[in-house]
Each structure stands twice: as C-alpha cells, then as structure tokens.
Amino acid sequence: MQGEPAEAERDADKPQQNDAGPVFSGYGMVSALLGLVCVAAIALSVVIWSAHHERTDTLSNQIRVAQAAVDWTGVLINMNQDNVDTSLRKLHDGTVGQLNNDFEASMQPYRDVVLALQARTSGQINSVSIESVHHNLQAERGAPPPRPEPAPPEFSTRTDTVLIVATSVSENTGGGKPQTVRWNLRVSVSEVEGKLLISRLEPIR
C-alpha cells in the first residue's frame, strides 16, 4: 500500500479546473464586437445607397418631365401661318385630360393671333423649373385604372407642374417692326401608362 500516498501527492500537484471561469474569451468578445460593427456598416451603406438611388431617380424623372414640357411648348411658341395646322395636331396629340377635351377652345386664341398676324415666328425657351409634384395615391396602391381614350390625368401615376419662361419674335410678312412676345407659362405634365403628356396649360400673369 506504499504506492497510494505517492499517487495522492501527484493528484494534489495537478492544476485544478475552475468550472466557474469566463464563458467568452477576450478574443471572442473582440470578434463579436467586430461583427456588430460590420453589420452596422453594411446597414449604413444600404441606407446611403437607397437615398442616392432615390435622388438619382427623382433627378432623372425631373429631367424627362422638363424635356417633355419644353418640347411641347417649343411647338406652341414657334407656331406660324405656314405650320399652324401641323403644329396644332402635334400639340393635340401631346395632351391628355381636360386640356385634350377642350383643346380647340384652349388653342383658338393662339390660332387666331397667328393667322391674323400672318407672321413668321421664332421662339426660344429661356428658363425651366419644376414647381411641384403630385402623386396619385390610388394608382400607387395598384388600383387598376380604367382605359378610356384619352385617359384623364386623374388616372396618371404622377403630375409635375413646370414653369416655363420663353420669348418669341414674330416678323410680319408685310415688313414692319418685329414683335417680341414673352411667354410665362405653367405647364402640367402627367405620366399616363409610361407616357408624359400635357394635362394643363396656364398663362402666368
């Protein structure tokens, strides 16, 4: 039985395990912290990218809207006795809603002036700005719009109001002094089934 004390002494010399030690080591805590930082960085990147993407889409749409308003107004301010009928047809094709329905009455004053002056007119756009944007919430919620011809602007997905300042110079065929006309217009541009159409024309006094 002499070996038993020696074995007990060897067991006493062994380091004792501490069952109540820390669950996570320092390395594990650092790794967890880095993981949280990475997640936060990714989330911030997504937010920044989404905001940038939204701004880019808004700017792109405003450029399209402004160009549609400029193109339509350009036909109007360059209308003269030689192209009046062709210009009116082109203008009518680019309208929607109430302006389309009342097109003849709305354009009659412009037509009368052109025919009365018998002038050659040259116009240019001086400035363009977006005044406001109106979204059709019903259309955004996916409500299927009716499909009348022409579709009224209330069934458009959005309508932008554009302010246009332009100048046109009319040279009378009988000689005389050229007449300068200054245009200050509020033009509403509605998007209907992917097309940008003019839904309102209002002179600004």
Protein backbone atom coordinates (compact mmCIF):
# COMPACT_ATOMS: atom_id res chain seq x y z
CA MET A 1 0.00 0.00 0.00
CA GLN A 2 3.01 2.30 -0.23
CA GLY A 3 2.01 3.49 -3.74
CA GLU A 4 -1.26 5.13 -2.67
CA PRO A 5 0.26 8.18 -0.89
CA ALA A 6 2.54 8.85 -3.85
CA GLU A 7 -0.45 8.76 -6.23
CA ALA A 8 -2.40 11.13 -3.93
CA GLU A 9 0.55 13.53 -3.96
CA ARG A 10 0.62 13.50 -7.79
CA ASP A 11 -3.12 14.27 -7.90
CA ALA A 12 -2.60 17.15 -5.49
CA ASP A 13 0.12 18.59 -7.74
CA LYS A 14 -2.24 18.74 -10.81
CA PRO A 15 -3.80 22.17 -11.55
CA GLN A 16 -7.44 22.28 -10.57
CA GLN A 17 -10.00 23.21 -13.29
CA ASN A 18 -12.19 26.21 -12.48
CA ASP A 19 -15.71 25.40 -13.66
CA ALA A 20 -16.80 28.97 -12.93
CA GLY A 21 -14.38 30.54 -15.48
CA PRO A 22 -15.45 33.10 -18.15
CA VAL A 23 -17.73 31.77 -20.92
CA PHE A 24 -16.20 34.05 -23.64
CA SER A 25 -12.54 34.68 -24.01
CA GLY A 26 -11.21 38.15 -24.78
CA TYR A 27 -10.71 37.10 -28.42
CA GLY A 28 -14.34 36.00 -28.68
CA MET A 29 -15.62 39.31 -27.34
CA VAL A 30 -13.48 41.27 -29.80
CA SER A 31 -14.77 39.10 -32.64
CA ALA A 32 -18.38 39.69 -31.59
CA LEU A 33 -17.77 43.44 -31.41
CA LEU A 34 -16.22 43.48 -34.87
CA GLY A 35 -19.21 41.54 -36.16
CA LEU A 36 -21.60 44.17 -34.80
CA VAL A 37 -19.50 46.94 -36.36
CA CYS A 38 -19.62 45.17 -39.72
CA VAL A 39 -23.39 44.76 -39.54
CA ALA A 40 -23.81 48.46 -38.68
CA ALA A 41 -21.52 49.44 -41.56
CA ILE A 42 -23.50 47.31 -44.01
CA ALA A 43 -26.79 48.77 -42.79
CA LEU A 44 -25.43 52.32 -43.17
CA SER A 45 -24.19 51.52 -46.67
CA VAL A 46 -27.64 50.25 -47.66
CA VAL A 47 -29.29 53.41 -46.33
CA ILE A 48 -26.81 55.66 -48.17
CA TRP A 49 -27.20 53.68 -51.40
CA SER A 50 -31.00 53.78 -51.17
CA ALA A 51 -31.01 57.55 -50.61
CA HIS A 52 -28.61 58.08 -53.51
CA HIS A 53 -30.68 55.81 -55.75
CA GLU A 54 -33.86 57.69 -54.85
CA ARG A 55 -32.25 61.07 -55.55
CA THR A 56 -30.96 59.78 -58.88
CA ASP A 57 -34.41 58.51 -59.88
CA THR A 58 -36.02 61.81 -58.88
CA LEU A 59 -33.49 63.84 -60.86
CA SER A 60 -33.85 61.58 -63.88
CA ASN A 61 -37.64 61.91 -63.81
CA GLN A 62 -37.47 65.69 -63.43
CA ILE A 63 -35.22 65.89 -66.48
CA ARG A 64 -37.71 63.83 -68.50
CA VAL A 65 -40.63 65.96 -67.32
CA ALA A 66 -38.84 69.24 -68.06
CA GLN A 67 -37.88 67.99 -71.53
CA ALA A 68 -41.48 66.97 -72.28
CA ALA A 69 -42.72 70.42 -71.25
CA VAL A 70 -40.01 72.15 -73.29
CA ASP A 71 -40.71 70.08 -76.41
CA TRP A 72 -44.45 70.75 -76.26
CA THR A 73 -44.05 74.45 -75.50
CA GLY A 74 -41.47 74.77 -78.26
CA VAL A 75 -44.09 73.75 -80.81
CA LEU A 76 -46.52 76.30 -79.39
CA ILE A 77 -44.20 79.32 -79.40
CA ASN A 78 -42.87 78.54 -82.89
CA MET A 79 -46.30 78.21 -84.48
CA ASN A 80 -46.81 80.44 -87.55
CA GLN A 81 -49.09 80.72 -90.56
CA ASP A 82 -47.11 78.15 -92.53
CA ASN A 83 -47.26 75.37 -89.94
CA VAL A 84 -50.28 76.25 -87.83
CA ASP A 85 -52.37 73.20 -88.72
CA THR A 86 -49.46 70.77 -88.36
CA SER A 87 -48.42 72.36 -85.06
CA LEU A 88 -51.95 72.17 -83.64
CA ARG A 89 -52.22 68.47 -84.49
CA LYS A 90 -48.88 67.78 -82.83
CA LEU A 91 -49.87 69.77 -79.76
CA HIS A 92 -53.21 67.96 -79.54
CA ASP A 93 -51.52 64.56 -79.74
CA GLY A 94 -49.35 65.51 -76.76
CA THR A 95 -52.22 66.41 -74.43
CA VAL A 96 -54.42 64.48 -72.01
CA GLY A 97 -57.43 65.04 -69.80
CA GLN A 98 -59.36 68.29 -69.76
CA LEU A 99 -56.83 70.09 -71.95
CA ASN A 100 -57.27 67.39 -74.56
CA ASN A 101 -61.06 67.56 -74.34
CA ASP A 102 -61.12 71.37 -74.57
CA PHE A 103 -58.19 71.63 -76.95
CA GLU A 104 -59.93 73.52 -79.73
CA ALA A 105 -61.28 76.17 -77.36
CA SER A 106 -57.96 76.44 -75.50
CA MET A 107 -55.91 76.85 -78.65
CA GLN A 108 -58.32 79.07 -80.60
CA PRO A 109 -56.85 82.37 -79.29
CA TYR A 110 -53.33 81.31 -80.28
CA ARG A 111 -54.50 80.18 -83.70
CA ASP A 112 -56.40 83.40 -84.34
CA VAL A 113 -53.39 85.55 -83.45
CA VAL A 114 -51.09 83.56 -85.74
CA LEU A 115 -53.47 83.78 -88.70
CA ALA A 116 -54.21 87.46 -88.08
CA LEU A 117 -50.56 88.47 -87.87
CA GLN A 118 -49.53 86.39 -90.86
CA ALA A 119 -46.10 86.36 -89.27
CA ARG A 120 -43.13 84.06 -89.22
CA THR A 121 -42.36 83.28 -85.60
CA SER A 122 -39.15 82.09 -83.99
CA GLY A 123 -39.24 81.18 -80.31
CA GLN A 124 -36.81 80.04 -77.68
CA ILE A 125 -37.08 78.72 -74.10
CA ASN A 126 -35.34 80.96 -71.57
CA SER A 127 -35.85 79.05 -68.33
CA VAL A 128 -37.50 75.91 -66.97
CA SER A 129 -38.18 74.92 -63.37
CA ILE A 130 -40.17 72.23 -61.57
CA GLU A 131 -42.79 73.83 -59.35
CA SER A 132 -44.48 70.83 -57.73
CA VAL A 133 -45.17 67.11 -57.92
CA HIS A 134 -48.48 65.39 -57.24
CA HIS A 135 -48.67 61.61 -56.81
CA ASN A 136 -51.87 59.71 -57.47
CA LEU A 137 -52.10 57.57 -54.32
CA GLN A 138 -54.87 55.39 -55.71
CA ALA A 139 -52.74 54.49 -58.71
CA GLU A 140 -49.74 53.83 -56.47
CA ARG A 141 -51.75 51.35 -54.41
CA GLY A 142 -52.26 49.26 -57.51
CA ALA A 143 -55.88 50.11 -58.26
CA PRO A 144 -56.40 49.22 -61.92
CA PRO A 145 -57.13 52.46 -63.81
CA PRO A 146 -59.84 52.47 -66.46
CA ARG A 147 -58.62 52.78 -70.01
CA PRO A 148 -60.65 55.46 -71.73
CA GLU A 149 -59.30 57.29 -74.75
CA PRO A 150 -57.87 59.71 -73.94
CA ALA A 151 -57.06 58.84 -70.33
CA PRO A 152 -57.74 61.74 -67.95
CA PRO A 153 -54.89 62.95 -65.75
CA GLU A 154 -56.56 61.73 -62.55
CA PHE A 155 -55.56 58.25 -63.69
CA SER A 156 -51.94 59.24 -64.06
CA THR A 157 -49.34 57.95 -61.63
CA ARG A 158 -47.97 61.46 -61.07
CA THR A 159 -48.28 65.01 -62.32
CA ASP A 160 -45.48 67.58 -62.28
CA THR A 161 -46.01 71.30 -62.69
CA VAL A 162 -43.37 73.07 -64.76
CA LEU A 163 -42.81 76.82 -65.01
CA ILE A 164 -41.57 77.99 -68.39
CA VAL A 165 -40.33 81.40 -69.45
CA ALA A 166 -39.91 81.84 -73.20
CA THR A 167 -39.57 84.50 -75.86
CA SER A 168 -40.77 84.52 -79.45
CA VAL A 169 -40.13 87.05 -82.20
CA SER A 170 -42.71 87.49 -84.96
CA GLU A 171 -41.70 89.09 -88.24
CA ASN A 172 -44.67 90.32 -90.23
CA THR A 173 -44.63 89.31 -93.89
CA GLY A 174 -45.66 92.83 -94.87
CA GLY A 175 -42.50 94.34 -93.43
CA GLY A 176 -42.86 96.39 -90.30
CA LYS A 177 -41.14 96.09 -86.96
CA PRO A 178 -40.68 92.58 -85.47
CA GLN A 179 -42.88 91.93 -82.46
CA THR A 180 -41.47 90.25 -79.35
CA VAL A 181 -43.80 88.13 -77.24
CA ARG A 182 -42.81 86.98 -73.77
CA TRP A 183 -44.32 83.75 -72.51
CA ASN A 184 -44.76 82.89 -68.84
CA LEU A 185 -46.49 79.53 -68.65
CA ARG A 186 -47.42 76.97 -66.05
CA VAL A 187 -47.50 73.56 -67.73
CA SER A 188 -48.69 70.38 -66.02
CA VAL A 189 -47.07 67.16 -67.20
CA SER A 190 -48.88 63.92 -66.34
CA GLU A 191 -47.47 60.42 -66.67
CA VAL A 192 -50.08 58.06 -68.08
CA GLU A 193 -49.10 54.47 -68.81
CA GLY A 194 -45.45 55.46 -69.11
CA LYS A 195 -46.10 58.44 -71.40
CA LEU A 196 -45.57 62.07 -70.42
CA LEU A 197 -48.46 64.19 -71.66
CA ILE A 198 -49.51 67.80 -71.11
CA SER A 199 -52.63 67.99 -68.96
CA ARG A 200 -52.80 71.72 -68.25
CA LEU A 201 -51.67 74.99 -69.81
CA GLU A 202 -51.98 78.20 -67.84
CA PRO A 203 -50.54 81.63 -68.68
CA ILE A 204 -48.95 83.35 -65.66
CA ARG A 205 -49.91 87.00 -65.41
